[in-house]
């Protein structure tokens, strides 16, 4: 279990805007569509919901480079990816110190985004569908986001969570190659 204590502030650059070139990362593949998903924390039901969608999307679109990034303990994250059956079509990375998160403009959420009635309702809803809190690592305060980087290396779409339960519907991301 991870505590609700907010960790020391990390270095966070500005969030990239649509049309911008995102930070250069080794996991981005030029010439391919790249779906890059930053998870809240390992064990989070909302991160698991996102990973399930991303797994389905990666299986349906093998030409895409699909990446999920967790933070916290590498060992806990790897075990969690296996436990939730993250697709082998997804590249799973662990950023223990949240340095990649910071380069992409992802800092912490505030208390009203972390704890509110909508979040509690969504946790209960996910529990009914089989998604639950699991062994956790990282910080509950980390903001979750999804970015789509096009073949030319520019940001085409992004979704930065408005609260911790805000998970985008990945299937609506258009594939212009189809």
N, C-alpha and C. Protein backbone atom coordinates (compact mmCIF):
# COMPACT_ATOMS: atom_id res chain seq x y z
N UNK A 1 0.84 -1.19 0.00
CA UNK A 1 0.00 0.00 0.00
C UNK A 1 0.89 1.25 0.00
N UNK A 2 0.50 2.23 -0.79
CA UNK A 2 1.25 3.48 -0.80
C UNK A 2 0.45 4.54 -0.04
N UNK A 3 1.17 5.43 0.58
CA UNK A 3 0.54 6.45 1.41
C UNK A 3 -0.05 7.58 0.57
N UNK A 4 -0.83 8.40 1.24
CA UNK A 4 -1.39 9.58 0.58
C UNK A 4 -0.49 10.81 0.72
N UNK A 5 0.68 10.62 1.34
CA UNK A 5 1.60 11.73 1.49
C UNK A 5 2.11 12.17 0.12
N UNK A 6 2.03 13.47 -0.10
CA UNK A 6 2.50 14.02 -1.38
C UNK A 6 4.03 14.06 -1.37
N UNK A 7 4.68 13.45 -2.39
CA UNK A 7 6.14 13.46 -2.41
C UNK A 7 6.70 14.83 -2.79
N UNK A 8 8.02 14.91 -2.69
CA UNK A 8 8.73 16.13 -3.07
C UNK A 8 8.39 16.49 -4.52
N UNK A 9 8.26 17.76 -4.80
CA UNK A 9 7.93 18.23 -6.16
C UNK A 9 9.03 17.81 -7.13
N UNK A 10 8.61 17.32 -8.27
CA UNK A 10 9.54 16.92 -9.31
C UNK A 10 9.74 18.06 -10.30
N UNK A 11 10.78 17.99 -11.10
CA UNK A 11 10.98 18.96 -12.17
C UNK A 11 9.96 18.65 -13.27
N UNK A 12 9.19 19.65 -13.68
CA UNK A 12 8.16 19.46 -14.71
C UNK A 12 8.29 20.57 -15.74
N UNK A 13 8.48 20.17 -17.00
CA UNK A 13 8.51 21.12 -18.11
C UNK A 13 7.08 21.43 -18.54
N UNK A 14 6.92 22.33 -19.48
CA UNK A 14 5.59 22.67 -19.99
C UNK A 14 5.01 21.47 -20.76
N UNK A 15 3.71 21.31 -20.64
CA UNK A 15 2.99 20.28 -21.38
C UNK A 15 3.09 20.58 -22.87
N UNK A 16 3.47 19.60 -23.71
CA UNK A 16 3.54 19.89 -25.14
C UNK A 16 2.15 20.19 -25.70
N UNK A 17 2.09 21.07 -26.68
CA UNK A 17 0.84 21.43 -27.33
C UNK A 17 0.67 20.63 -28.61
N UNK A 18 -0.58 20.56 -29.10
CA UNK A 18 -0.84 19.88 -30.36
C UNK A 18 0.01 20.50 -31.46
N UNK A 19 0.62 19.66 -32.28
CA UNK A 19 1.50 20.11 -33.35
C UNK A 19 2.95 20.22 -32.94
N UNK A 20 3.21 20.25 -31.62
CA UNK A 20 4.59 20.33 -31.13
C UNK A 20 5.31 19.00 -31.33
N UNK A 21 6.62 19.07 -31.31
CA UNK A 21 7.44 17.88 -31.24
C UNK A 21 7.62 17.58 -29.76
N UNK A 22 7.20 16.40 -29.30
CA UNK A 22 7.36 16.08 -27.88
C UNK A 22 8.83 15.84 -27.54
N UNK A 23 9.14 15.67 -26.28
CA UNK A 23 10.54 15.41 -25.91
C UNK A 23 11.08 14.20 -26.67
N UNK A 24 12.33 14.27 -27.10
CA UNK A 24 12.91 13.13 -27.82
C UNK A 24 13.11 11.96 -26.84
N UNK A 25 12.53 10.85 -27.15
CA UNK A 25 12.61 9.67 -26.29
C UNK A 25 12.99 8.47 -27.14
N UNK A 26 13.77 7.56 -26.59
CA UNK A 26 14.19 6.38 -27.36
C UNK A 26 13.02 5.47 -27.71
N UNK A 27 11.92 5.55 -26.94
CA UNK A 27 10.79 4.66 -27.21
C UNK A 27 9.89 5.15 -28.35
N UNK A 28 10.06 6.40 -28.79
CA UNK A 28 9.27 6.92 -29.91
C UNK A 28 9.84 6.40 -31.21
N UNK A 29 8.98 5.91 -32.09
CA UNK A 29 9.41 5.39 -33.38
C UNK A 29 8.97 6.33 -34.49
N UNK A 30 9.93 6.99 -35.08
CA UNK A 30 9.65 7.88 -36.21
C UNK A 30 9.14 7.06 -37.38
N UNK A 31 8.13 7.54 -38.06
CA UNK A 31 7.53 6.81 -39.17
C UNK A 31 6.36 5.93 -38.75
N UNK A 32 6.15 5.80 -37.45
CA UNK A 32 5.01 5.05 -36.91
C UNK A 32 4.15 5.97 -36.06
N UNK A 33 2.88 5.60 -35.92
CA UNK A 33 2.05 6.26 -34.91
C UNK A 33 2.51 5.75 -33.55
N UNK A 34 2.61 6.64 -32.59
CA UNK A 34 3.03 6.30 -31.24
C UNK A 34 1.94 6.70 -30.26
N UNK A 35 1.42 5.75 -29.52
CA UNK A 35 0.47 6.03 -28.45
C UNK A 35 1.24 5.86 -27.14
N UNK A 36 1.41 6.96 -26.40
CA UNK A 36 2.21 6.96 -25.19
C UNK A 36 1.29 7.25 -24.01
N UNK A 37 1.24 6.30 -23.08
CA UNK A 37 0.32 6.38 -21.94
C UNK A 37 1.10 6.45 -20.64
N UNK A 38 0.92 7.52 -19.90
CA UNK A 38 1.55 7.69 -18.59
C UNK A 38 0.52 7.30 -17.54
N UNK A 39 0.87 6.33 -16.70
CA UNK A 39 -0.05 5.80 -15.70
C UNK A 39 0.04 6.55 -14.39
N UNK A 40 -1.07 6.57 -13.66
CA UNK A 40 -1.08 7.20 -12.32
C UNK A 40 -0.07 6.51 -11.42
N UNK A 41 -0.32 5.29 -11.05
CA UNK A 41 0.63 4.52 -10.26
C UNK A 41 0.32 3.04 -10.46
N UNK A 42 1.31 2.22 -10.26
CA UNK A 42 1.13 0.78 -10.34
C UNK A 42 0.10 0.36 -9.29
N UNK A 43 -0.85 -0.46 -9.71
CA UNK A 43 -1.88 -0.94 -8.80
C UNK A 43 -3.16 -0.13 -8.81
N UNK A 44 -3.15 1.03 -9.43
CA UNK A 44 -4.32 1.92 -9.49
C UNK A 44 -5.39 1.32 -10.40
N UNK A 45 -6.65 1.27 -9.96
CA UNK A 45 -7.69 0.73 -10.83
C UNK A 45 -7.88 1.55 -12.11
N UNK A 46 -7.65 2.84 -12.07
CA UNK A 46 -7.80 3.67 -13.27
C UNK A 46 -6.65 3.41 -14.24
N UNK A 47 -5.46 3.15 -13.72
CA UNK A 47 -4.33 2.76 -14.57
C UNK A 47 -4.60 1.39 -15.20
N UNK A 48 -5.19 0.49 -14.45
CA UNK A 48 -5.52 -0.82 -15.00
C UNK A 48 -6.58 -0.70 -16.09
N UNK A 49 -7.58 0.15 -15.88
CA UNK A 49 -8.60 0.37 -16.90
C UNK A 49 -7.94 0.88 -18.19
N UNK A 50 -7.03 1.83 -18.06
CA UNK A 50 -6.32 2.36 -19.23
C UNK A 50 -5.49 1.27 -19.89
N UNK A 51 -4.79 0.46 -19.10
CA UNK A 51 -3.96 -0.62 -19.66
C UNK A 51 -4.80 -1.65 -20.41
N UNK A 52 -6.00 -1.93 -19.93
CA UNK A 52 -6.88 -2.88 -20.65
C UNK A 52 -7.25 -2.31 -22.02
N UNK A 53 -7.63 -1.04 -22.05
CA UNK A 53 -7.97 -0.41 -23.33
C UNK A 53 -6.77 -0.38 -24.27
N UNK A 54 -5.63 -0.03 -23.74
CA UNK A 54 -4.41 0.08 -24.54
C UNK A 54 -4.03 -1.30 -25.09
N UNK A 55 -4.17 -2.33 -24.28
CA UNK A 55 -3.88 -3.69 -24.75
C UNK A 55 -4.76 -4.06 -25.93
N UNK A 56 -6.07 -3.78 -25.80
CA UNK A 56 -7.01 -4.07 -26.90
C UNK A 56 -6.65 -3.27 -28.14
N UNK A 57 -6.31 -2.01 -27.94
CA UNK A 57 -5.97 -1.14 -29.07
C UNK A 57 -4.71 -1.62 -29.76
N UNK A 58 -3.69 -2.02 -28.99
CA UNK A 58 -2.43 -2.49 -29.57
C UNK A 58 -2.63 -3.79 -30.34
N UNK A 59 -3.47 -4.67 -29.82
CA UNK A 59 -3.76 -5.93 -30.52
C UNK A 59 -4.46 -5.66 -31.85
N UNK A 60 -5.36 -4.68 -31.87
CA UNK A 60 -6.13 -4.36 -33.08
C UNK A 60 -5.34 -3.53 -34.08
N UNK A 61 -4.27 -2.88 -33.63
CA UNK A 61 -3.47 -1.99 -34.49
C UNK A 61 -1.99 -2.33 -34.35
N UNK A 62 -1.56 -3.49 -34.85
CA UNK A 62 -0.16 -3.90 -34.64
C UNK A 62 0.86 -2.98 -35.30
N UNK A 63 0.42 -2.12 -36.22
CA UNK A 63 1.35 -1.20 -36.87
C UNK A 63 1.69 -0.01 -35.98
N UNK A 64 0.98 0.16 -34.88
CA UNK A 64 1.24 1.27 -33.96
C UNK A 64 2.32 0.88 -32.96
N UNK A 65 3.06 1.87 -32.49
CA UNK A 65 3.99 1.70 -31.38
C UNK A 65 3.24 2.17 -30.12
N UNK A 66 2.88 1.23 -29.28
CA UNK A 66 2.09 1.54 -28.09
C UNK A 66 2.97 1.34 -26.85
N UNK A 67 3.05 2.39 -26.02
CA UNK A 67 3.93 2.40 -24.86
C UNK A 67 3.14 2.82 -23.63
N UNK A 68 3.32 2.09 -22.52
CA UNK A 68 2.79 2.54 -21.24
C UNK A 68 3.99 2.79 -20.32
N UNK A 69 3.86 3.82 -19.51
CA UNK A 69 4.94 4.20 -18.61
C UNK A 69 4.39 4.27 -17.20
N UNK A 70 5.00 3.50 -16.32
CA UNK A 70 4.65 3.50 -14.89
C UNK A 70 5.81 4.13 -14.13
N UNK A 71 5.59 4.38 -12.87
CA UNK A 71 6.68 4.86 -12.02
C UNK A 71 6.66 4.03 -10.73
N UNK A 72 7.61 4.29 -9.85
CA UNK A 72 7.70 3.50 -8.62
C UNK A 72 8.68 2.35 -8.81
N UNK A 73 8.44 1.28 -8.08
CA UNK A 73 9.32 0.12 -8.09
C UNK A 73 9.24 -0.66 -9.39
N UNK A 74 10.39 -0.92 -9.99
CA UNK A 74 10.45 -1.71 -11.23
C UNK A 74 9.88 -3.11 -11.01
N UNK A 75 10.25 -3.75 -9.90
CA UNK A 75 9.79 -5.12 -9.63
C UNK A 75 8.27 -5.17 -9.44
N UNK A 76 7.73 -4.23 -8.70
CA UNK A 76 6.27 -4.20 -8.47
C UNK A 76 5.55 -3.92 -9.79
N UNK A 77 6.07 -2.98 -10.58
CA UNK A 77 5.43 -2.65 -11.85
C UNK A 77 5.44 -3.85 -12.80
N UNK A 78 6.55 -4.53 -12.92
CA UNK A 78 6.64 -5.69 -13.83
C UNK A 78 5.66 -6.78 -13.39
N UNK A 79 5.58 -7.03 -12.09
CA UNK A 79 4.64 -8.04 -11.57
C UNK A 79 3.19 -7.61 -11.84
N UNK A 80 2.92 -6.32 -11.68
CA UNK A 80 1.57 -5.81 -11.92
C UNK A 80 1.20 -5.91 -13.40
N UNK A 81 2.11 -5.55 -14.30
CA UNK A 81 1.83 -5.69 -15.74
C UNK A 81 1.47 -7.14 -16.08
N UNK A 82 2.19 -8.07 -15.47
CA UNK A 82 1.91 -9.50 -15.71
C UNK A 82 0.56 -9.88 -15.12
N UNK A 83 0.28 -9.41 -13.91
CA UNK A 83 -0.97 -9.74 -13.21
C UNK A 83 -2.20 -9.23 -13.97
N UNK A 84 -2.10 -8.04 -14.56
CA UNK A 84 -3.26 -7.49 -15.28
C UNK A 84 -3.29 -7.93 -16.74
N UNK A 85 -2.29 -8.75 -17.11
CA UNK A 85 -2.22 -9.31 -18.47
C UNK A 85 -2.08 -8.23 -19.54
N UNK A 86 -1.15 -7.31 -19.32
CA UNK A 86 -0.85 -6.30 -20.33
C UNK A 86 -0.37 -7.02 -21.58
N UNK A 87 -0.90 -6.64 -22.71
CA UNK A 87 -0.57 -7.28 -23.98
C UNK A 87 0.93 -7.22 -24.27
N UNK A 88 1.45 -8.29 -24.86
CA UNK A 88 2.84 -8.32 -25.29
C UNK A 88 3.08 -7.33 -26.43
N UNK A 89 2.00 -6.83 -27.05
CA UNK A 89 2.11 -5.83 -28.12
C UNK A 89 2.39 -4.43 -27.57
N UNK A 90 2.34 -4.28 -26.26
CA UNK A 90 2.56 -2.99 -25.60
C UNK A 90 3.95 -2.98 -24.98
N UNK A 91 4.70 -1.92 -25.23
CA UNK A 91 5.99 -1.75 -24.57
C UNK A 91 5.74 -1.13 -23.20
N UNK A 92 6.16 -1.82 -22.15
CA UNK A 92 5.96 -1.35 -20.78
C UNK A 92 7.29 -0.84 -20.22
N UNK A 93 7.30 0.43 -19.83
CA UNK A 93 8.50 1.05 -19.26
C UNK A 93 8.22 1.47 -17.83
N UNK A 94 9.27 1.55 -17.03
CA UNK A 94 9.15 2.04 -15.66
C UNK A 94 10.11 3.21 -15.50
N UNK A 95 9.58 4.30 -15.02
CA UNK A 95 10.31 5.56 -14.80
C UNK A 95 10.30 5.82 -13.29
N UNK A 96 11.19 5.15 -12.53
CA UNK A 96 11.11 5.18 -11.07
C UNK A 96 11.06 6.58 -10.46
N UNK A 97 11.79 7.52 -11.02
CA UNK A 97 11.86 8.87 -10.46
C UNK A 97 10.99 9.88 -11.18
N UNK A 98 10.14 9.41 -12.10
CA UNK A 98 9.18 10.23 -12.83
C UNK A 98 9.86 11.32 -13.66
N UNK A 99 11.07 11.04 -14.16
CA UNK A 99 11.79 12.01 -14.98
C UNK A 99 11.13 12.15 -16.36
N UNK A 100 10.71 11.02 -16.95
CA UNK A 100 10.03 11.09 -18.25
C UNK A 100 8.71 11.83 -18.09
N UNK A 101 7.98 11.55 -17.02
CA UNK A 101 6.73 12.26 -16.74
C UNK A 101 6.98 13.77 -16.76
N UNK A 102 8.03 14.19 -16.06
CA UNK A 102 8.34 15.62 -15.97
C UNK A 102 8.68 16.24 -17.32
N UNK A 103 9.41 15.50 -18.16
CA UNK A 103 9.76 16.03 -19.49
C UNK A 103 8.51 16.23 -20.35
N UNK A 104 7.46 15.44 -20.09
CA UNK A 104 6.22 15.55 -20.86
C UNK A 104 5.20 16.47 -20.19
N UNK A 105 5.62 17.18 -19.14
CA UNK A 105 4.76 18.17 -18.51
C UNK A 105 3.77 17.61 -17.50
N UNK A 106 4.04 16.40 -17.00
CA UNK A 106 3.08 15.76 -16.10
C UNK A 106 3.57 15.78 -14.66
N UNK A 107 2.97 16.66 -13.90
CA UNK A 107 3.26 16.76 -12.48
C UNK A 107 2.18 16.09 -11.66
N UNK A 108 1.89 16.69 -10.54
CA UNK A 108 0.91 16.11 -9.62
C UNK A 108 -0.47 16.72 -9.80
N UNK A 109 -1.47 15.95 -9.43
CA UNK A 109 -2.84 16.47 -9.38
C UNK A 109 -3.03 17.17 -8.03
N UNK A 110 -4.15 17.86 -7.87
CA UNK A 110 -4.43 18.50 -6.59
C UNK A 110 -5.41 17.64 -5.79
N UNK A 111 -5.67 18.03 -4.57
CA UNK A 111 -6.48 17.20 -3.67
C UNK A 111 -7.90 17.01 -4.18
N UNK A 112 -8.50 18.02 -4.83
CA UNK A 112 -9.87 17.86 -5.32
C UNK A 112 -9.93 16.90 -6.51
N UNK A 113 -8.83 16.76 -7.26
CA UNK A 113 -8.78 15.79 -8.36
C UNK A 113 -8.55 14.38 -7.83
N UNK A 114 -7.93 14.29 -6.67
CA UNK A 114 -7.60 12.99 -6.07
C UNK A 114 -8.78 12.40 -5.30
N UNK A 115 -9.48 13.25 -4.57
CA UNK A 115 -10.55 12.74 -3.70
C UNK A 115 -11.84 13.53 -3.94
N UNK A 116 -12.79 12.88 -4.59
CA UNK A 116 -14.11 13.47 -4.76
C UNK A 116 -15.12 12.35 -4.99
N UNK A 117 -16.39 12.67 -5.01
CA UNK A 117 -17.42 11.64 -5.13
C UNK A 117 -17.36 10.90 -6.46
N UNK A 118 -17.02 11.59 -7.53
CA UNK A 118 -16.92 10.94 -8.83
C UNK A 118 -15.85 9.85 -8.80
N UNK A 119 -14.72 10.13 -8.18
CA UNK A 119 -13.64 9.16 -8.07
C UNK A 119 -14.12 7.93 -7.29
N UNK A 120 -14.79 8.14 -6.17
CA UNK A 120 -15.30 7.02 -5.38
C UNK A 120 -16.32 6.20 -6.15
N UNK A 121 -17.19 6.86 -6.90
CA UNK A 121 -18.18 6.15 -7.71
C UNK A 121 -17.50 5.30 -8.77
N UNK A 122 -16.48 5.88 -9.44
CA UNK A 122 -15.78 5.14 -10.50
C UNK A 122 -15.00 3.94 -9.94
N UNK A 123 -14.43 4.07 -8.74
CA UNK A 123 -13.73 2.94 -8.12
C UNK A 123 -14.73 1.81 -7.89
N UNK A 124 -15.92 2.15 -7.38
CA UNK A 124 -16.95 1.13 -7.14
C UNK A 124 -17.40 0.49 -8.46
N UNK A 125 -17.58 1.30 -9.49
CA UNK A 125 -17.99 0.80 -10.79
C UNK A 125 -16.95 -0.17 -11.35
N UNK A 126 -15.68 0.21 -11.28
CA UNK A 126 -14.62 -0.65 -11.80
C UNK A 126 -14.52 -1.95 -11.00
N UNK A 127 -14.75 -1.89 -9.71
CA UNK A 127 -14.71 -3.09 -8.86
C UNK A 127 -15.72 -4.12 -9.36
N UNK A 128 -16.91 -3.66 -9.73
CA UNK A 128 -17.95 -4.55 -10.24
C UNK A 128 -17.49 -5.21 -11.54
N UNK A 129 -16.71 -4.49 -12.34
CA UNK A 129 -16.23 -5.05 -13.60
C UNK A 129 -14.92 -5.84 -13.45
N UNK A 130 -14.48 -6.06 -12.21
CA UNK A 130 -13.30 -6.88 -11.96
C UNK A 130 -11.99 -6.14 -11.84
N UNK A 131 -12.04 -4.83 -11.91
CA UNK A 131 -10.82 -4.02 -11.75
C UNK A 131 -10.80 -3.49 -10.33
N UNK A 132 -9.67 -3.70 -9.66
CA UNK A 132 -9.60 -3.33 -8.24
C UNK A 132 -8.21 -2.79 -7.91
N UNK A 133 -8.09 -2.22 -6.72
CA UNK A 133 -6.77 -1.83 -6.23
C UNK A 133 -5.94 -3.09 -6.05
N UNK A 134 -4.71 -3.04 -6.49
CA UNK A 134 -3.78 -4.16 -6.36
C UNK A 134 -2.52 -3.65 -5.69
N UNK A 135 -1.51 -4.48 -5.60
CA UNK A 135 -0.25 -4.07 -5.00
C UNK A 135 0.22 -2.78 -5.67
N UNK A 136 0.44 -1.77 -4.87
CA UNK A 136 0.71 -0.44 -5.40
C UNK A 136 2.16 -0.03 -5.19
N UNK A 137 2.62 0.81 -6.11
CA UNK A 137 3.94 1.42 -6.00
C UNK A 137 3.90 2.76 -6.73
N UNK A 138 4.64 3.71 -6.23
CA UNK A 138 4.65 5.04 -6.84
C UNK A 138 3.92 6.02 -5.94
N UNK A 139 3.31 7.03 -6.55
CA UNK A 139 2.55 8.03 -5.79
C UNK A 139 1.16 8.18 -6.38
N UNK A 140 0.19 8.27 -5.50
CA UNK A 140 -1.20 8.46 -5.93
C UNK A 140 -1.43 9.85 -6.52
N UNK A 141 -0.50 10.76 -6.31
CA UNK A 141 -0.66 12.14 -6.75
C UNK A 141 -0.26 12.35 -8.21
N UNK A 142 0.37 11.37 -8.84
CA UNK A 142 0.86 11.55 -10.20
C UNK A 142 -0.29 11.67 -11.19
N UNK A 143 -0.19 12.63 -12.07
CA UNK A 143 -1.21 12.84 -13.11
C UNK A 143 -1.04 11.80 -14.22
N UNK A 144 -2.16 11.31 -14.73
CA UNK A 144 -2.19 10.33 -15.81
C UNK A 144 -2.50 11.04 -17.13
N UNK A 145 -1.89 10.58 -18.23
CA UNK A 145 -2.14 11.22 -19.53
C UNK A 145 -1.84 10.24 -20.66
N UNK A 146 -2.42 10.56 -21.83
CA UNK A 146 -2.20 9.77 -23.04
C UNK A 146 -1.87 10.75 -24.17
N UNK A 147 -0.85 10.42 -24.96
CA UNK A 147 -0.42 11.25 -26.08
C UNK A 147 -0.36 10.42 -27.35
N UNK A 148 -0.77 11.00 -28.46
CA UNK A 148 -0.63 10.38 -29.77
C UNK A 148 0.36 11.22 -30.58
N UNK A 149 1.47 10.58 -30.94
CA UNK A 149 2.51 11.23 -31.73
C UNK A 149 2.45 10.62 -33.13
N UNK A 150 2.35 11.48 -34.14
CA UNK A 150 2.17 10.99 -35.51
C UNK A 150 3.49 10.51 -36.13
N UNK A 151 3.40 10.05 -37.36
CA UNK A 151 4.54 9.49 -38.08
C UNK A 151 5.68 10.49 -38.27
N UNK A 152 5.34 11.78 -38.32
CA UNK A 152 6.35 12.82 -38.48
C UNK A 152 6.95 13.26 -37.14
N UNK A 153 6.49 12.68 -36.05
CA UNK A 153 7.02 13.03 -34.74
C UNK A 153 6.37 14.23 -34.09
N UNK A 154 5.15 14.56 -34.52
CA UNK A 154 4.41 15.69 -33.94
C UNK A 154 3.24 15.18 -33.10
N UNK A 155 2.88 15.97 -32.11
CA UNK A 155 1.77 15.60 -31.23
C UNK A 155 0.45 15.86 -31.94
N UNK A 156 -0.33 14.80 -32.17
CA UNK A 156 -1.63 14.88 -32.85
C UNK A 156 -2.80 15.01 -31.88
N UNK A 157 -2.67 14.42 -30.69
CA UNK A 157 -3.80 14.34 -29.76
C UNK A 157 -3.23 14.08 -28.37
N UNK A 158 -3.90 14.62 -27.37
CA UNK A 158 -3.53 14.26 -25.99
C UNK A 158 -4.73 14.36 -25.08
N UNK A 159 -4.65 13.61 -24.02
CA UNK A 159 -5.68 13.65 -22.98
C UNK A 159 -4.96 13.62 -21.64
N UNK A 160 -5.01 14.72 -20.93
CA UNK A 160 -4.45 14.80 -19.59
C UNK A 160 -5.63 14.70 -18.62
N UNK A 161 -5.55 13.75 -17.71
CA UNK A 161 -6.67 13.49 -16.80
C UNK A 161 -7.05 14.74 -16.01
N UNK A 162 -8.36 15.03 -15.98
CA UNK A 162 -8.89 16.14 -15.20
C UNK A 162 -9.05 15.79 -13.73
N UNK A 163 -9.18 14.50 -13.46
CA UNK A 163 -9.15 13.97 -12.09
C UNK A 163 -8.64 12.54 -12.19
N UNK A 164 -8.38 11.90 -11.08
CA UNK A 164 -7.72 10.60 -11.12
C UNK A 164 -8.56 9.52 -11.80
N UNK A 165 -9.87 9.70 -11.89
CA UNK A 165 -10.73 8.69 -12.52
C UNK A 165 -10.97 8.97 -14.01
N UNK A 166 -10.38 10.03 -14.53
CA UNK A 166 -10.59 10.46 -15.91
C UNK A 166 -9.71 9.65 -16.86
N UNK A 167 -10.30 8.60 -17.44
CA UNK A 167 -9.59 7.73 -18.37
C UNK A 167 -10.22 7.90 -19.75
N UNK A 168 -9.43 8.28 -20.76
CA UNK A 168 -10.00 8.48 -22.10
C UNK A 168 -10.41 7.15 -22.73
N UNK A 169 -11.30 7.22 -23.69
CA UNK A 169 -11.68 6.05 -24.46
C UNK A 169 -10.69 5.97 -25.62
N UNK A 170 -9.78 5.01 -25.54
CA UNK A 170 -8.69 4.91 -26.51
C UNK A 170 -9.18 4.52 -27.90
N UNK A 171 -10.25 3.78 -27.99
CA UNK A 171 -10.71 3.31 -29.30
C UNK A 171 -11.14 4.45 -30.22
N UNK A 172 -11.35 5.65 -29.67
CA UNK A 172 -11.78 6.76 -30.53
C UNK A 172 -10.59 7.44 -31.21
N UNK A 173 -9.35 7.07 -30.86
CA UNK A 173 -8.20 7.67 -31.50
C UNK A 173 -8.17 7.19 -32.94
N UNK A 174 -8.24 8.09 -33.91
CA UNK A 174 -8.33 7.66 -35.32
C UNK A 174 -6.99 7.15 -35.84
N UNK A 175 -7.06 6.14 -36.66
CA UNK A 175 -5.87 5.65 -37.36
C UNK A 175 -6.03 6.04 -38.81
N UNK A 176 -5.26 7.03 -39.25
CA UNK A 176 -5.42 7.55 -40.62
C UNK A 176 -4.90 6.58 -41.68
N UNK A 177 -4.21 5.53 -41.26
CA UNK A 177 -3.70 4.55 -42.21
C UNK A 177 -4.80 3.59 -42.67
N UNK A 178 -5.85 3.48 -41.90
CA UNK A 178 -6.92 2.51 -42.20
C UNK A 178 -7.72 2.94 -43.42
